[in-house]
């Protein structure tokens, strides 16, 4: 039996698999809900988003008598961006979903590795604490024996 087979027992593998599939399912369902919310937004919501953007631009363009700690360039209202949520969830939905699943998977495996390491199942060091203490005790006994012989 090699080390890779010793790392995870069959029940642990099943539990991690179920947790992973649950996490991916939650991500996909929530991304689909967000996309539906953006795609089916009413004109009122879109107008409010646009008005919020214009209000933010106007407020950021106010220089308030140079009281701001950083000097900003004025934002040109003629080059209004499309709503980020709308752009991301319509034109780049596949890219966003793929990136979210990829990075979530990486984080999941790191957390799984750390939890597995903390549980101490097969990842304890080359020697156990008992072995290390026994080695220290024998070394100390050897030193005491050596010093008593020198006297």
C-alpha atoms as a PDB file:
ATOM      1  CA  UNK A   1       0.000   0.000   0.000  1.00  0.00           C
ATOM      2  CA  UNK A   2       1.599   3.275  -1.036  1.00  0.00           C
ATOM      3  CA  UNK A   3       1.381   6.584   0.796  1.00  0.00           C
ATOM      4  CA  UNK A   4      -1.342   8.051  -1.456  1.00  0.00           C
ATOM      5  CA  UNK A   5      -3.660   5.192  -0.557  1.00  0.00           C
ATOM      6  CA  UNK A   6      -2.997   5.727   3.167  1.00  0.00           C
ATOM      7  CA  UNK A   7      -3.860   9.433   3.114  1.00  0.00           C
ATOM      8  CA  UNK A   8      -7.639   9.158   2.872  1.00  0.00           C
ATOM      9  CA  UNK A   9      -9.927   6.368   3.943  1.00  0.00           C
ATOM     10  CA  UNK A  10     -12.944   5.494   1.799  1.00  0.00           C
ATOM     11  CA  UNK A  11     -15.480   7.200   4.128  1.00  0.00           C
ATOM     12  CA  UNK A  12     -13.316  10.349   4.262  1.00  0.00           C
ATOM     13  CA  UNK A  13     -13.110  10.423   0.464  1.00  0.00           C
ATOM     14  CA  UNK A  14     -16.893  10.149   0.200  1.00  0.00           C
ATOM     15  CA  UNK A  15     -17.457  12.921   2.733  1.00  0.00           C
ATOM     16  CA  UNK A  16     -15.017  15.254   0.958  1.00  0.00           C
ATOM     17  CA  UNK A  17     -16.601  14.425  -2.411  1.00  0.00           C
ATOM     18  CA  UNK A  18     -20.111  15.190  -1.136  1.00  0.00           C
ATOM     19  CA  UNK A  19     -18.917  18.480   0.419  1.00  0.00           C
ATOM     20  CA  UNK A  20     -17.138  19.448  -2.815  1.00  0.00           C
ATOM     21  CA  UNK A  21     -20.141  18.642  -5.008  1.00  0.00           C
ATOM     22  CA  UNK A  22     -22.377  20.585  -2.617  1.00  0.00           C
ATOM     23  CA  UNK A  23     -20.076  23.597  -2.814  1.00  0.00           C
ATOM     24  CA  UNK A  24     -19.995  23.505  -6.626  1.00  0.00           C
ATOM     25  CA  UNK A  25     -23.784  23.110  -6.754  1.00  0.00           C
ATOM     26  CA  UNK A  26     -24.287  26.157  -4.530  1.00  0.00           C
ATOM     27  CA  UNK A  27     -21.933  28.200  -6.730  1.00  0.00           C
ATOM     28  CA  UNK A  28     -23.682  27.224  -9.978  1.00  0.00           C
ATOM     29  CA  UNK A  29     -27.194  27.775  -8.563  1.00  0.00           C
ATOM     30  CA  UNK A  30     -26.297  31.193  -7.155  1.00  0.00           C
ATOM     31  CA  UNK A  31     -24.583  32.283 -10.375  1.00  0.00           C
ATOM     32  CA  UNK A  32     -27.664  31.252 -12.377  1.00  0.00           C
ATOM     33  CA  UNK A  33     -29.938  33.167  -9.983  1.00  0.00           C
ATOM     34  CA  UNK A  34     -27.732  36.253 -10.243  1.00  0.00           C
ATOM     35  CA  UNK A  35     -27.734  36.026 -14.031  1.00  0.00           C
ATOM     36  CA  UNK A  36     -31.522  35.670 -14.130  1.00  0.00           C
ATOM     37  CA  UNK A  37     -31.885  38.651 -11.799  1.00  0.00           C
ATOM     38  CA  UNK A  38     -29.716  40.799 -14.070  1.00  0.00           C
ATOM     39  CA  UNK A  39     -31.248  39.562 -17.318  1.00  0.00           C
ATOM     40  CA  UNK A  40     -34.829  40.090 -16.148  1.00  0.00           C
ATOM     41  CA  UNK A  41     -34.321  43.381 -14.343  1.00  0.00           C
ATOM     42  CA  UNK A  42     -37.058  45.909 -14.951  1.00  0.00           C
ATOM     43  CA  UNK A  43     -36.461  49.221 -16.666  1.00  0.00           C
ATOM     44  CA  UNK A  44     -36.994  50.937 -13.324  1.00  0.00           C
ATOM     45  CA  UNK A  45     -34.112  49.018 -11.780  1.00  0.00           C
ATOM     46  CA  UNK A  46     -31.875  49.755 -14.761  1.00  0.00           C
ATOM     47  CA  UNK A  47     -32.743  53.458 -14.620  1.00  0.00           C
ATOM     48  CA  UNK A  48     -32.020  53.522 -10.884  1.00  0.00           C
ATOM     49  CA  UNK A  49     -28.638  51.874 -11.498  1.00  0.00           C
ATOM     50  CA  UNK A  50     -27.851  54.466 -14.164  1.00  0.00           C
ATOM     51  CA  UNK A  51     -28.937  57.298 -11.875  1.00  0.00           C
ATOM     52  CA  UNK A  52     -26.785  55.899  -9.061  1.00  0.00           C
ATOM     53  CA  UNK A  53     -23.836  55.858 -11.475  1.00  0.00           C
ATOM     54  CA  UNK A  54     -24.402  59.449 -12.529  1.00  0.00           C
ATOM     55  CA  UNK A  55     -24.772  60.556  -8.902  1.00  0.00           C
ATOM     56  CA  UNK A  56     -21.499  58.861  -8.012  1.00  0.00           C
ATOM     57  CA  UNK A  57     -19.708  60.475 -10.970  1.00  0.00           C
ATOM     58  CA  UNK A  58     -21.039  63.918 -10.096  1.00  0.00           C
ATOM     59  CA  UNK A  59     -20.033  63.524  -6.454  1.00  0.00           C
ATOM     60  CA  UNK A  60     -16.557  62.285  -7.355  1.00  0.00           C
ATOM     61  CA  UNK A  61     -16.089  65.213  -9.743  1.00  0.00           C
ATOM     62  CA  UNK A  62     -16.698  67.710  -6.957  1.00  0.00           C
ATOM     63  CA  UNK A  63     -13.363  68.880  -5.678  1.00  0.00           C
ATOM     64  CA  UNK A  64     -14.645  70.301  -2.379  1.00  0.00           C
ATOM     65  CA  UNK A  65     -12.094  73.125  -2.251  1.00  0.00           C
ATOM     66  CA  UNK A  66      -9.149  70.746  -2.584  1.00  0.00           C
ATOM     67  CA  UNK A  67      -9.947  69.120   0.752  1.00  0.00           C
ATOM     68  CA  UNK A  68      -9.556  65.624  -0.644  1.00  0.00           C
ATOM     69  CA  UNK A  69      -6.290  63.843   0.169  1.00  0.00           C
ATOM     70  CA  UNK A  70      -5.813  62.760  -3.455  1.00  0.00           C
ATOM     71  CA  UNK A  71      -6.378  64.840  -6.556  1.00  0.00           C
ATOM     72  CA  UNK A  72      -8.644  63.019  -9.005  1.00  0.00           C
ATOM     73  CA  UNK A  73      -9.198  63.487 -12.675  1.00  0.00           C
ATOM     74  CA  UNK A  74     -12.719  64.350 -13.669  1.00  0.00           C
ATOM     75  CA  UNK A  75     -14.765  61.444 -14.984  1.00  0.00           C
ATOM     76  CA  UNK A  76     -16.243  61.921 -18.447  1.00  0.00           C
ATOM     77  CA  UNK A  77     -19.969  61.133 -18.370  1.00  0.00           C
ATOM     78  CA  UNK A  78     -20.102  60.605 -22.126  1.00  0.00           C
ATOM     79  CA  UNK A  79     -18.055  57.398 -21.731  1.00  0.00           C
ATOM     80  CA  UNK A  80     -20.426  55.670 -19.336  1.00  0.00           C
ATOM     81  CA  UNK A  81     -19.632  52.029 -18.787  1.00  0.00           C
ATOM     82  CA  UNK A  82     -22.290  49.407 -19.007  1.00  0.00           C
ATOM     83  CA  UNK A  83     -23.265  48.097 -15.614  1.00  0.00           C
ATOM     84  CA  UNK A  84     -20.532  45.722 -14.471  1.00  0.00           C
ATOM     85  CA  UNK A  85     -23.018  43.112 -13.272  1.00  0.00           C
ATOM     86  CA  UNK A  86     -24.840  43.244 -16.592  1.00  0.00           C
ATOM     87  CA  UNK A  87     -21.650  42.910 -18.622  1.00  0.00           C
ATOM     88  CA  UNK A  88     -20.170  40.154 -16.494  1.00  0.00           C
ATOM     89  CA  UNK A  89     -23.309  38.064 -16.243  1.00  0.00           C
ATOM     90  CA  UNK A  90     -24.367  38.375 -19.874  1.00  0.00           C
ATOM     91  CA  UNK A  91     -21.259  38.567 -22.048  1.00  0.00           C
ATOM     92  CA  UNK A  92     -18.748  36.851 -19.765  1.00  0.00           C
ATOM     93  CA  UNK A  93     -20.933  34.410 -17.836  1.00  0.00           C
ATOM     94  CA  UNK A  94     -18.977  31.314 -18.880  1.00  0.00           C
ATOM     95  CA  UNK A  95     -15.635  32.887 -18.023  1.00  0.00           C
ATOM     96  CA  UNK A  96     -16.908  34.085 -14.642  1.00  0.00           C
ATOM     97  CA  UNK A  97     -18.412  30.714 -13.774  1.00  0.00           C
ATOM     98  CA  UNK A  98     -15.281  28.837 -14.855  1.00  0.00           C
ATOM     99  CA  UNK A  99     -12.996  31.151 -12.878  1.00  0.00           C
ATOM    100  CA  UNK A 100     -15.212  30.942  -9.809  1.00  0.00           C
ATOM    101  CA  UNK A 101     -15.277  27.141  -9.934  1.00  0.00           C
ATOM    102  CA  UNK A 102     -11.525  26.935 -10.566  1.00  0.00           C
ATOM    103  CA  UNK A 103     -10.512  29.230  -7.709  1.00  0.00           C
ATOM    104  CA  UNK A 104     -13.094  27.736  -5.355  1.00  0.00           C
ATOM    105  CA  UNK A 105     -11.722  24.284  -6.161  1.00  0.00           C
ATOM    106  CA  UNK A 106      -8.175  25.407  -5.420  1.00  0.00           C
ATOM    107  CA  UNK A 107      -9.227  26.923  -2.101  1.00  0.00           C
ATOM    108  CA  UNK A 108     -11.261  23.824  -1.281  1.00  0.00           C
ATOM    109  CA  UNK A 109      -8.293  21.508  -1.831  1.00  0.00           C
ATOM    110  CA  UNK A 110      -6.006  23.711   0.269  1.00  0.00           C
ATOM    111  CA  UNK A 111      -8.533  23.732   3.112  1.00  0.00           C
ATOM    112  CA  UNK A 112      -9.056  19.981   2.747  1.00  0.00           C
ATOM    113  CA  UNK A 113      -5.298  19.416   2.922  1.00  0.00           C
ATOM    114  CA  UNK A 114      -5.003  21.605   6.025  1.00  0.00           C
ATOM    115  CA  UNK A 115      -7.954  19.964   7.784  1.00  0.00           C
ATOM    116  CA  UNK A 116      -6.547  16.559   6.961  1.00  0.00           C
ATOM    117  CA  UNK A 117      -3.157  17.616   8.301  1.00  0.00           C
ATOM    118  CA  UNK A 118      -4.658  18.932  11.544  1.00  0.00           C
ATOM    119  CA  UNK A 119      -6.622  15.750  12.053  1.00  0.00           C
ATOM    120  CA  UNK A 120      -3.257  13.942  12.132  1.00  0.00           C
ATOM    121  CA  UNK A 121      -4.437  10.833  10.343  1.00  0.00           C
ATOM    122  CA  UNK A 122      -1.361   9.986   8.277  1.00  0.00           C
ATOM    123  CA  UNK A 123       0.635  13.156   8.277  1.00  0.00           C
ATOM    124  CA  UNK A 124       2.467  13.005  11.578  1.00  0.00           C
ATOM    125  CA  UNK A 125       6.197  13.520  11.181  1.00  0.00           C
ATOM    126  CA  UNK A 126       8.837  10.851  10.727  1.00  0.00           C
ATOM    127  CA  UNK A 127       8.824  10.082  14.461  1.00  0.00           C
ATOM    128  CA  UNK A 128       6.198  10.328  17.151  1.00  0.00           C
ATOM    129  CA  UNK A 129       6.391  12.437  20.292  1.00  0.00           C
ATOM    130  CA  UNK A 130       7.006   9.335  22.395  1.00  0.00           C
ATOM    131  CA  UNK A 131       9.964   8.375  20.230  1.00  0.00           C
ATOM    132  CA  UNK A 132      11.396  11.884  20.444  1.00  0.00           C
ATOM    133  CA  UNK A 133      11.052  11.986  24.254  1.00  0.00           C
ATOM    134  CA  UNK A 134      12.625   8.545  24.566  1.00  0.00           C
ATOM    135  CA  UNK A 135      15.559   9.672  22.416  1.00  0.00           C
ATOM    136  CA  UNK A 136      16.044  12.785  24.549  1.00  0.00           C
ATOM    137  CA  UNK A 137      15.885  10.717  27.753  1.00  0.00           C
ATOM    138  CA  UNK A 138      18.471   8.240  26.476  1.00  0.00           C
ATOM    139  CA  UNK A 139      20.736  11.099  25.350  1.00  0.00           C
ATOM    140  CA  UNK A 140      20.432  12.721  28.762  1.00  0.00           C
ATOM    141  CA  UNK A 141      21.167   9.386  30.466  1.00  0.00           C
ATOM    142  CA  UNK A 142      24.203   8.947  28.220  1.00  0.00           C
ATOM    143  CA  UNK A 143      25.463  12.401  29.161  1.00  0.00           C
ATOM    144  CA  UNK A 144      24.993  11.707  32.862  1.00  0.00           C
ATOM    145  CA  UNK A 145      26.766   8.358  32.540  1.00  0.00           C
ATOM    146  CA  UNK A 146      29.640  10.008  30.632  1.00  0.00           C
ATOM    147  CA  UNK A 147      30.031  12.776  33.226  1.00  0.00           C
ATOM    148  CA  UNK A 148      30.027  10.272  36.108  1.00  0.00           C
ATOM    149  CA  UNK A 149      32.765   8.241  34.392  1.00  0.00           C
ATOM    150  CA  UNK A 150      34.881  11.360  33.881  1.00  0.00           C
ATOM    151  CA  UNK A 151      34.851  12.120  37.606  1.00  0.00           C
END
